[in-house]
């Protein structure tokens, strides 16, 4: 059995508008996941929400940073090469 798996999630050249759509959708889905998971765990188990709240803040900051990059690319007439890989390993 292999111990590591790699998957290309994104690999292409995008206009700033299209890059924004792809990246914003990814980040928003991750934020929604944390919000729903937090709500569910808090209601069912009264779990601490610190980690997920911190992660949502980090993702929101990433969104703001990406918006600045997209604006810079747009104003200078650049397209963007965007790559993202998912790495999965078995751990105990």
PDB file of N, CA and C in Angstrom:
ATOM      1  N   UNK A   1       0.852  -1.184   0.000  1.00  0.00           N
ATOM      2  CA  UNK A   1       0.000   0.000   0.000  1.00  0.00           C
ATOM      3  C   UNK A   1       0.895   1.243   0.000  1.00  0.00           C
ATOM      4  N   UNK A   2       0.577   2.162  -0.878  1.00  0.00           N
ATOM      5  CA  UNK A   2       1.303   3.428  -0.906  1.00  0.00           C
ATOM      6  C   UNK A   2       0.978   4.219   0.354  1.00  0.00           C
ATOM      7  N   UNK A   3       1.895   5.092   0.726  1.00  0.00           N
ATOM      8  CA  UNK A   3       1.684   5.926   1.906  1.00  0.00           C
ATOM      9  C   UNK A   3       1.362   7.368   1.521  1.00  0.00           C
ATOM     10  N   UNK A   4       1.587   7.728   0.265  1.00  0.00           N
ATOM     11  CA  UNK A   4       1.346   9.112  -0.123  1.00  0.00           C
ATOM     12  C   UNK A   4       0.620   9.163  -1.461  1.00  0.00           C
ATOM     13  N   UNK A   5      -0.350  10.065  -1.543  1.00  0.00           N
ATOM     14  CA  UNK A   5      -1.122  10.276  -2.757  1.00  0.00           C
ATOM     15  C   UNK A   5      -1.143  11.767  -3.056  1.00  0.00           C
ATOM     16  N   UNK A   6      -0.960  12.120  -4.310  1.00  0.00           N
ATOM     17  CA  UNK A   6      -0.972  13.519  -4.740  1.00  0.00           C
ATOM     18  C   UNK A   6      -2.004  13.696  -5.849  1.00  0.00           C
ATOM     19  N   UNK A   7      -2.785  14.753  -5.750  1.00  0.00           N
ATOM     20  CA  UNK A   7      -3.806  15.049  -6.741  1.00  0.00           C
ATOM     21  C   UNK A   7      -3.701  16.503  -7.165  1.00  0.00           C
ATOM     22  N   UNK A   8      -3.713  16.738  -8.488  1.00  0.00           N
ATOM     23  CA  UNK A   8      -3.751  18.110  -8.990  1.00  0.00           C
ATOM     24  C   UNK A   8      -5.175  18.617  -8.848  1.00  0.00           C
ATOM     25  N   UNK A   9      -5.322  19.678  -8.112  1.00  0.00           N
ATOM     26  CA  UNK A   9      -6.641  20.281  -7.937  1.00  0.00           C
ATOM     27  C   UNK A   9      -6.831  21.407  -8.947  1.00  0.00           C
ATOM     28  N   UNK A  10      -5.816  22.243  -9.089  1.00  0.00           N
ATOM     29  CA  UNK A  10      -5.844  23.355 -10.031  1.00  0.00           C
ATOM     30  C   UNK A  10      -4.490  23.383 -10.728  1.00  0.00           C
ATOM     31  N   UNK A  11      -4.518  23.575 -12.044  1.00  0.00           N
ATOM     32  CA  UNK A  11      -3.267  23.685 -12.793  1.00  0.00           C
ATOM     33  C   UNK A  11      -3.572  24.349 -14.125  1.00  0.00           C
ATOM     34  N   UNK A  12      -3.468  25.678 -14.146  1.00  0.00           N
ATOM     35  CA  UNK A  12      -3.753  26.366 -15.398  1.00  0.00           C
ATOM     36  C   UNK A  12      -3.473  27.851 -15.326  1.00  0.00           C
ATOM     37  N   UNK A  13      -3.592  28.475 -16.478  1.00  0.00           N
ATOM     38  CA  UNK A  13      -3.440  29.926 -16.584  1.00  0.00           C
ATOM     39  C   UNK A  13      -4.839  30.519 -16.663  1.00  0.00           C
ATOM     40  N   UNK A  14      -5.086  31.515 -15.815  1.00  0.00           N
ATOM     41  CA  UNK A  14      -6.410  32.110 -15.695  1.00  0.00           C
ATOM     42  C   UNK A  14      -6.325  33.622 -15.830  1.00  0.00           C
ATOM     43  N   UNK A  15      -7.387  34.206 -16.353  1.00  0.00           N
ATOM     44  CA  UNK A  15      -7.520  35.663 -16.284  1.00  0.00           C
ATOM     45  C   UNK A  15      -7.712  36.010 -14.817  1.00  0.00           C
ATOM     46  N   UNK A  16      -7.447  37.251 -14.428  1.00  0.00           N
ATOM     47  CA  UNK A  16      -7.685  37.614 -13.022  1.00  0.00           C
ATOM     48  C   UNK A  16      -9.121  37.358 -12.578  1.00  0.00           C
ATOM     49  N   UNK A  17     -10.077  37.588 -13.455  1.00  0.00           N
ATOM     50  CA  UNK A  17     -11.481  37.352 -13.101  1.00  0.00           C
ATOM     51  C   UNK A  17     -11.745  35.874 -12.849  1.00  0.00           C
ATOM     52  N   UNK A  18     -11.274  35.021 -13.766  1.00  0.00           N
ATOM     53  CA  UNK A  18     -11.490  33.583 -13.601  1.00  0.00           C
ATOM     54  C   UNK A  18     -10.716  33.028 -12.414  1.00  0.00           C
ATOM     55  N   UNK A  19      -9.498  33.498 -12.215  1.00  0.00           N
ATOM     56  CA  UNK A  19      -8.712  33.066 -11.054  1.00  0.00           C
ATOM     57  C   UNK A  19      -9.446  33.447  -9.774  1.00  0.00           C
ATOM     58  N   UNK A  20     -10.018  34.641  -9.749  1.00  0.00           N
ATOM     59  CA  UNK A  20     -10.773  35.075  -8.583  1.00  0.00           C
ATOM     60  C   UNK A  20     -11.954  34.174  -8.299  1.00  0.00           C
ATOM     61  N   UNK A  21     -12.669  33.770  -9.354  1.00  0.00           N
ATOM     62  CA  UNK A  21     -13.820  32.884  -9.171  1.00  0.00           C
ATOM     63  C   UNK A  21     -13.392  31.537  -8.605  1.00  0.00           C
ATOM     64  N   UNK A  22     -12.346  30.959  -9.182  1.00  0.00           N
ATOM     65  CA  UNK A  22     -11.880  29.644  -8.740  1.00  0.00           C
ATOM     66  C   UNK A  22     -11.397  29.704  -7.293  1.00  0.00           C
ATOM     67  N   UNK A  23     -10.535  30.670  -7.000  1.00  0.00           N
ATOM     68  CA  UNK A  23      -9.936  30.751  -5.664  1.00  0.00           C
ATOM     69  C   UNK A  23     -10.962  31.146  -4.603  1.00  0.00           C
ATOM     70  N   UNK A  24     -11.820  32.078  -4.931  1.00  0.00           N
ATOM     71  CA  UNK A  24     -12.849  32.503  -3.980  1.00  0.00           C
ATOM     72  C   UNK A  24     -13.805  31.350  -3.668  1.00  0.00           C
ATOM     73  N   UNK A  25     -14.169  30.582  -4.679  1.00  0.00           N
ATOM     74  CA  UNK A  25     -15.051  29.440  -4.463  1.00  0.00           C
ATOM     75  C   UNK A  25     -14.397  28.423  -3.536  1.00  0.00           C
ATOM     76  N   UNK A  26     -13.132  28.128  -3.780  1.00  0.00           N
ATOM     77  CA  UNK A  26     -12.417  27.186  -2.910  1.00  0.00           C
ATOM     78  C   UNK A  26     -12.372  27.657  -1.468  1.00  0.00           C
ATOM     79  N   UNK A  27     -11.975  28.901  -1.282  1.00  0.00           N
ATOM     80  CA  UNK A  27     -11.836  29.441   0.078  1.00  0.00           C
ATOM     81  C   UNK A  27     -13.204  29.531   0.758  1.00  0.00           C
ATOM     82  N   UNK A  28     -14.216  29.984   0.031  1.00  0.00           N
ATOM     83  CA  UNK A  28     -15.550  30.082   0.633  1.00  0.00           C
ATOM     84  C   UNK A  28     -16.090  28.717   1.045  1.00  0.00           C
ATOM     85  N   UNK A  29     -15.827  27.702   0.237  1.00  0.00           N
ATOM     86  CA  UNK A  29     -16.265  26.353   0.615  1.00  0.00           C
ATOM     87  C   UNK A  29     -15.549  25.877   1.870  1.00  0.00           C
ATOM     88  N   UNK A  30     -14.284  26.191   1.997  1.00  0.00           N
ATOM     89  CA  UNK A  30     -13.535  25.802   3.198  1.00  0.00           C
ATOM     90  C   UNK A  30     -14.063  26.568   4.424  1.00  0.00           C
ATOM     91  N   UNK A  31     -14.362  27.841   4.261  1.00  0.00           N
ATOM     92  CA  UNK A  31     -14.930  28.636   5.358  1.00  0.00           C
ATOM     93  C   UNK A  31     -16.288  28.059   5.764  1.00  0.00           C
ATOM     94  N   UNK A  32     -17.125  27.751   4.778  1.00  0.00           N
ATOM     95  CA  UNK A  32     -18.439  27.170   5.077  1.00  0.00           C
ATOM     96  C   UNK A  32     -18.302  25.838   5.803  1.00  0.00           C
ATOM     97  N   UNK A  33     -17.343  25.030   5.392  1.00  0.00           N
ATOM     98  CA  UNK A  33     -17.097  23.754   6.067  1.00  0.00           C
ATOM     99  C   UNK A  33     -16.793  23.991   7.547  1.00  0.00           C
ATOM    100  N   UNK A  34     -15.873  24.909   7.829  1.00  0.00           N
ATOM    101  CA  UNK A  34     -15.516  25.181   9.225  1.00  0.00           C
ATOM    102  C   UNK A  34     -16.707  25.718  10.005  1.00  0.00           C
ATOM    103  N   UNK A  35     -17.461  26.609   9.409  1.00  0.00           N
ATOM    104  CA  UNK A  35     -18.618  27.176  10.113  1.00  0.00           C
ATOM    105  C   UNK A  35     -19.670  26.116  10.421  1.00  0.00           C
ATOM    106  N   UNK A  36     -19.981  25.266   9.459  1.00  0.00           N
ATOM    107  CA  UNK A  36     -20.982  24.225   9.686  1.00  0.00           C
ATOM    108  C   UNK A  36     -20.482  23.167  10.664  1.00  0.00           C
ATOM    109  N   UNK A  37     -19.228  22.781  10.529  1.00  0.00           N
ATOM    110  CA  UNK A  37     -18.645  21.779  11.423  1.00  0.00           C
ATOM    111  C   UNK A  37     -18.600  22.316  12.863  1.00  0.00           C
ATOM    112  N   UNK A  38     -18.209  23.580  13.002  1.00  0.00           N
ATOM    113  CA  UNK A  38     -18.169  24.204  14.325  1.00  0.00           C
ATOM    114  C   UNK A  38     -19.544  24.222  14.968  1.00  0.00           C
ATOM    115  N   UNK A  39     -20.511  24.683  14.197  1.00  0.00           N
ATOM    116  CA  UNK A  39     -21.872  24.785  14.726  1.00  0.00           C
ATOM    117  C   UNK A  39     -22.356  23.407  15.169  1.00  0.00           C
ATOM    118  N   UNK A  40     -22.156  22.420  14.322  1.00  0.00           N
ATOM    119  CA  UNK A  40     -22.603  21.063  14.631  1.00  0.00           C
ATOM    120  C   UNK A  40     -21.906  20.514  15.873  1.00  0.00           C
ATOM    121  N   UNK A  41     -20.594  20.648  15.932  1.00  0.00           N
ATOM    122  CA  UNK A  41     -19.845  20.124  17.075  1.00  0.00           C
ATOM    123  C   UNK A  41     -20.155  20.885  18.363  1.00  0.00           C
ATOM    124  N   UNK A  42     -20.373  22.167  18.242  1.00  0.00           N
ATOM    125  CA  UNK A  42     -20.691  22.953  19.434  1.00  0.00           C
ATOM    126  C   UNK A  42     -22.063  22.561  19.990  1.00  0.00           C
ATOM    127  N   UNK A  43     -23.019  22.403  19.101  1.00  0.00           N
ATOM    128  CA  UNK A  43     -24.372  22.041  19.539  1.00  0.00           C
ATOM    129  C   UNK A  43     -24.401  20.625  20.111  1.00  0.00           C
ATOM    130  N   UNK A  44     -23.772  19.678  19.407  1.00  0.00           N
ATOM    131  CA  UNK A  44     -23.850  18.273  19.821  1.00  0.00           C
ATOM    132  C   UNK A  44     -22.944  17.941  21.000  1.00  0.00           C
ATOM    133  N   UNK A  45     -21.717  18.507  21.005  1.00  0.00           N
ATOM    134  CA  UNK A  45     -20.729  18.079  21.999  1.00  0.00           C
ATOM    135  C   UNK A  45     -20.198  19.217  22.870  1.00  0.00           C
ATOM    136  N   UNK A  46     -20.649  20.434  22.629  1.00  0.00           N
ATOM    137  CA  UNK A  46     -20.160  21.613  23.338  1.00  0.00           C
ATOM    138  C   UNK A  46     -18.635  21.749  23.190  1.00  0.00           C
ATOM    139  N   UNK A  47     -18.129  21.443  21.995  1.00  0.00           N
ATOM    140  CA  UNK A  47     -16.688  21.512  21.719  1.00  0.00           C
ATOM    141  C   UNK A  47     -16.194  22.944  21.646  1.00  0.00           C
ATOM    142  N   UNK A  48     -14.913  23.102  21.896  1.00  0.00           N
ATOM    143  CA  UNK A  48     -14.234  24.390  21.776  1.00  0.00           C
ATOM    144  C   UNK A  48     -14.089  24.744  20.296  1.00  0.00           C
ATOM    145  N   UNK A  49     -14.353  25.974  19.954  1.00  0.00           N
ATOM    146  CA  UNK A  49     -14.339  26.411  18.560  1.00  0.00           C
ATOM    147  C   UNK A  49     -13.094  27.212  18.196  1.00  0.00           C
ATOM    148  N   UNK A  50     -12.121  27.301  19.074  1.00  0.00           N
ATOM    149  CA  UNK A  50     -10.965  28.167  18.845  1.00  0.00           C
ATOM    150  C   UNK A  50     -10.219  27.853  17.554  1.00  0.00           C
ATOM    151  N   UNK A  51      -9.923  26.565  17.328  1.00  0.00           N
ATOM    152  CA  UNK A  51      -9.140  26.211  16.140  1.00  0.00           C
ATOM    153  C   UNK A  51      -9.855  26.624  14.854  1.00  0.00           C
ATOM    154  N   UNK A  52     -11.117  26.296  14.741  1.00  0.00           N
ATOM    155  CA  UNK A  52     -11.846  26.615  13.518  1.00  0.00           C
ATOM    156  C   UNK A  52     -12.044  28.115  13.351  1.00  0.00           C
ATOM    157  N   UNK A  53     -12.289  28.818  14.444  1.00  0.00           N
ATOM    158  CA  UNK A  53     -12.425  30.275  14.350  1.00  0.00           C
ATOM    159  C   UNK A  53     -11.124  30.894  13.866  1.00  0.00           C
ATOM    160  N   UNK A  54     -10.004  30.389  14.365  1.00  0.00           N
ATOM    161  CA  UNK A  54      -8.700  30.876  13.924  1.00  0.00           C
ATOM    162  C   UNK A  54      -8.506  30.573  12.447  1.00  0.00           C
ATOM    163  N   UNK A  55      -8.891  29.377  12.025  1.00  0.00           N
ATOM    164  CA  UNK A  55      -8.730  28.975  10.632  1.00  0.00           C
ATOM    165  C   UNK A  55      -9.598  29.828   9.719  1.00  0.00           C
ATOM    166  N   UNK A  56     -10.809  30.146  10.133  1.00  0.00           N
ATOM    167  CA  UNK A  56     -11.686  31.009   9.337  1.00  0.00           C
ATOM    168  C   UNK A  56     -11.058  32.395   9.203  1.00  0.00           C
ATOM    169  N   UNK A  57     -10.482  32.908  10.266  1.00  0.00           N
ATOM    170  CA  UNK A  57      -9.809  34.209  10.198  1.00  0.00           C
ATOM    171  C   UNK A  57      -8.640  34.158   9.201  1.00  0.00           C
ATOM    172  N   UNK A  58      -7.870  33.078   9.230  1.00  0.00           N
ATOM    173  CA  UNK A  58      -6.754  32.920   8.291  1.00  0.00           C
ATOM    174  C   UNK A  58      -7.258  32.852   6.853  1.00  0.00           C
ATOM    175  N   UNK A  59      -8.333  32.134   6.636  1.00  0.00           N
ATOM    176  CA  UNK A  59      -8.898  32.019   5.291  1.00  0.00           C
ATOM    177  C   UNK A  59      -9.450  33.359   4.806  1.00  0.00           C
ATOM    178  N   UNK A  60     -10.076  34.120   5.693  1.00  0.00           N
ATOM    179  CA  UNK A  60     -10.554  35.455   5.329  1.00  0.00           C
ATOM    180  C   UNK A  60      -9.388  36.367   4.962  1.00  0.00           C
ATOM    181  N   UNK A  61      -8.286  36.258   5.693  1.00  0.00           N
ATOM    182  CA  UNK A  61      -7.104  37.052   5.368  1.00  0.00           C
ATOM    183  C   UNK A  61      -6.535  36.632   4.012  1.00  0.00           C
ATOM    184  N   UNK A  62      -6.534  35.336   3.742  1.00  0.00           N
ATOM    185  CA  UNK A  62      -6.080  34.855   2.430  1.00  0.00           C
ATOM    186  C   UNK A  62      -6.939  35.435   1.317  1.00  0.00           C
ATOM    187  N   UNK A  63      -8.233  35.509   1.544  1.00  0.00           N
ATOM    188  CA  UNK A  63      -9.142  36.086   0.551  1.00  0.00           C
ATOM    189  C   UNK A  63      -8.767  37.531   0.258  1.00  0.00           C
ATOM    190  N   UNK A  64      -8.501  38.294   1.301  1.00  0.00           N
ATOM    191  CA  UNK A  64      -8.113  39.694   1.118  1.00  0.00           C
ATOM    192  C   UNK A  64      -6.782  39.803   0.374  1.00  0.00           C
ATOM    193  N   UNK A  65      -5.813  38.967   0.721  1.00  0.00           N
ATOM    194  CA  UNK A  65      -4.508  38.988   0.050  1.00  0.00           C
ATOM    195  C   UNK A  65      -4.649  38.618  -1.426  1.00  0.00           C
ATOM    196  N   UNK A  66      -5.476  37.631  -1.709  1.00  0.00           N
ATOM    197  CA  UNK A  66      -5.701  37.208  -3.093  1.00  0.00           C
ATOM    198  C   UNK A  66      -6.381  38.316  -3.885  1.00  0.00           C
ATOM    199  N   UNK A  67      -7.326  39.017  -3.286  1.00  0.00           N
ATOM    200  CA  UNK A  67      -7.990  40.137  -3.972  1.00  0.00           C
ATOM    201  C   UNK A  67      -6.967  41.185  -4.401  1.00  0.00           C
ATOM    202  N   UNK A  68      -5.998  41.471  -3.547  1.00  0.00           N
ATOM    203  CA  UNK A  68      -4.955  42.452  -3.888  1.00  0.00           C
ATOM    204  C   UNK A  68      -4.118  41.963  -5.064  1.00  0.00           C
ATOM    205  N   UNK A  69      -3.773  40.686  -5.067  1.00  0.00           N
ATOM    206  CA  UNK A  69      -2.993  40.107  -6.162  1.00  0.00           C
ATOM    207  C   UNK A  69      -3.793  40.169  -7.464  1.00  0.00           C
ATOM    208  N   UNK A  70      -5.071  39.848  -7.392  1.00  0.00           N
ATOM    209  CA  UNK A  70      -5.924  39.885  -8.577  1.00  0.00           C
ATOM    210  C   UNK A  70      -6.050  41.304  -9.132  1.00  0.00           C
ATOM    211  N   UNK A  71      -6.192  42.278  -8.252  1.00  0.00           N
ATOM    212  CA  UNK A  71      -6.271  43.675  -8.683  1.00  0.00           C
ATOM    213  C   UNK A  71      -4.979  44.107  -9.353  1.00  0.00           C
ATOM    214  N   UNK A  72      -3.850  43.706  -8.779  1.00  0.00           N
ATOM    215  CA  UNK A  72      -2.541  44.038  -9.348  1.00  0.00           C
ATOM    216  C   UNK A  72      -2.387  43.415 -10.731  1.00  0.00           C
ATOM    217  N   UNK A  73      -2.762  42.152 -10.868  1.00  0.00           N
ATOM    218  CA  UNK A  73      -2.675  41.475 -12.161  1.00  0.00           C
ATOM    219  C   UNK A  73      -3.577  42.161 -13.184  1.00  0.00           C
ATOM    220  N   UNK A  74      -4.793  42.454 -12.780  1.00  0.00           N
ATOM    221  CA  UNK A  74      -5.756  43.105 -13.677  1.00  0.00           C
ATOM    222  C   UNK A  74      -5.240  44.463 -14.152  1.00  0.00           C
ATOM    223  N   UNK A  75      -4.750  45.267 -13.228  1.00  0.00           N
ATOM    224  CA  UNK A  75      -4.301  46.615 -13.586  1.00  0.00           C
ATOM    225  C   UNK A  75      -3.044  46.608 -14.450  1.00  0.00           C
ATOM    226  N   UNK A  76      -2.292  45.515 -14.430  1.00  0.00           N
ATOM    227  CA  UNK A  76      -1.065  45.421 -15.231  1.00  0.00           C
ATOM    228  C   UNK A  76      -1.218  44.504 -16.446  1.00  0.00           C
ATOM    229  N   UNK A  77      -2.419  43.999 -16.684  1.00  0.00           N
ATOM    230  CA  UNK A  77      -2.685  43.198 -17.861  1.00  0.00           C
ATOM    231  C   UNK A  77      -2.109  41.791 -17.824  1.00  0.00           C
ATOM    232  N   UNK A  78      -1.951  41.251 -16.641  1.00  0.00           N
ATOM    233  CA  UNK A  78      -1.402  39.903 -16.502  1.00  0.00           C
ATOM    234  C   UNK A  78      -2.500  38.859 -16.324  1.00  0.00           C
ATOM    235  N   UNK A  79      -2.218  37.661 -16.809  1.00  0.00           N
ATOM    236  CA  UNK A  79      -2.969  36.475 -16.431  1.00  0.00           C
ATOM    237  C   UNK A  79      -2.220  35.830 -15.273  1.00  0.00           C
ATOM    238  N   UNK A  80      -2.803  34.825 -14.665  1.00  0.00           N
ATOM    239  CA  UNK A  80      -2.184  34.193 -13.496  1.00  0.00           C
ATOM    240  C   UNK A  80      -2.079  32.685 -13.687  1.00  0.00           C
ATOM    241  N   UNK A  81      -0.903  32.158 -13.394  1.00  0.00           N
ATOM    242  CA  UNK A  81      -0.708  30.711 -13.353  1.00  0.00           C
ATOM    243  C   UNK A  81      -1.045  30.277 -11.937  1.00  0.00           C
ATOM    244  N   UNK A  82      -2.046  29.424 -11.819  1.00  0.00           N
ATOM    245  CA  UNK A  82      -2.498  28.968 -10.508  1.00  0.00           C
ATOM    246  C   UNK A  82      -2.362  27.452 -10.460  1.00  0.00           C
ATOM    247  N   UNK A  83      -1.680  26.968  -9.421  1.00  0.00           N
ATOM    248  CA  UNK A  83      -1.511  25.533  -9.216  1.00  0.00           C
ATOM    249  C   UNK A  83      -1.849  25.202  -7.773  1.00  0.00           C
ATOM    250  N   UNK A  84      -2.485  24.068  -7.596  1.00  0.00           N
ATOM    251  CA  UNK A  84      -2.784  23.597  -6.251  1.00  0.00           C
ATOM    252  C   UNK A  84      -2.788  22.081  -6.281  1.00  0.00           C
ATOM    253  N   UNK A  85      -2.080  21.515  -5.327  1.00  0.00           N
ATOM    254  CA  UNK A  85      -2.006  20.065  -5.222  1.00  0.00           C
ATOM    255  C   UNK A  85      -2.475  19.646  -3.844  1.00  0.00           C
ATOM    256  N   UNK A  86      -3.218  18.556  -3.802  1.00  0.00           N
ATOM    257  CA  UNK A  86      -3.646  17.959  -2.541  1.00  0.00           C
ATOM    258  C   UNK A  86      -2.724  16.778  -2.273  1.00  0.00           C
ATOM    259  N   UNK A  87      -2.075  16.781  -1.124  1.00  0.00           N
ATOM    260  CA  UNK A  87      -1.202  15.687  -0.705  1.00  0.00           C
ATOM    261  C   UNK A  87      -1.880  14.939   0.435  1.00  0.00           C
ATOM    262  N   UNK A  88      -1.995  13.630   0.290  1.00  0.00           N
ATOM    263  CA  UNK A  88      -2.640  12.802   1.321  1.00  0.00           C
ATOM    264  C   UNK A  88      -1.657  11.728   1.756  1.00  0.00           C
ATOM    265  N   UNK A  89      -1.489  11.604   3.085  1.00  0.00           N
ATOM    266  CA  UNK A  89      -0.623  10.561   3.648  1.00  0.00           C
ATOM    267  C   UNK A  89      -1.368   9.855   4.774  1.00  0.00           C
ATOM    268  N   UNK A  90      -1.043   8.596   4.966  1.00  0.00           N
ATOM    269  CA  UNK A  90      -1.560   7.863   6.123  1.00  0.00           C
ATOM    270  C   UNK A  90      -0.709   8.192   7.338  1.00  0.00           C
ATOM    271  N   UNK A  91      -1.342   8.518   8.447  1.00  0.00           N
ATOM    272  CA  UNK A  91      -0.639   8.799   9.707  1.00  0.00           C
ATOM    273  C   UNK A  91      -1.388   8.141  10.844  1.00  0.00           C
ATOM    274  N   UNK A  92      -0.670   7.893  11.917  1.00  0.00           N
ATOM    275  CA  UNK A  92      -1.318   7.349  13.134  1.00  0.00           C
ATOM    276  C   UNK A  92      -1.115   8.308  14.268  1.00  0.00           C
TER     277      UNK A  92
END
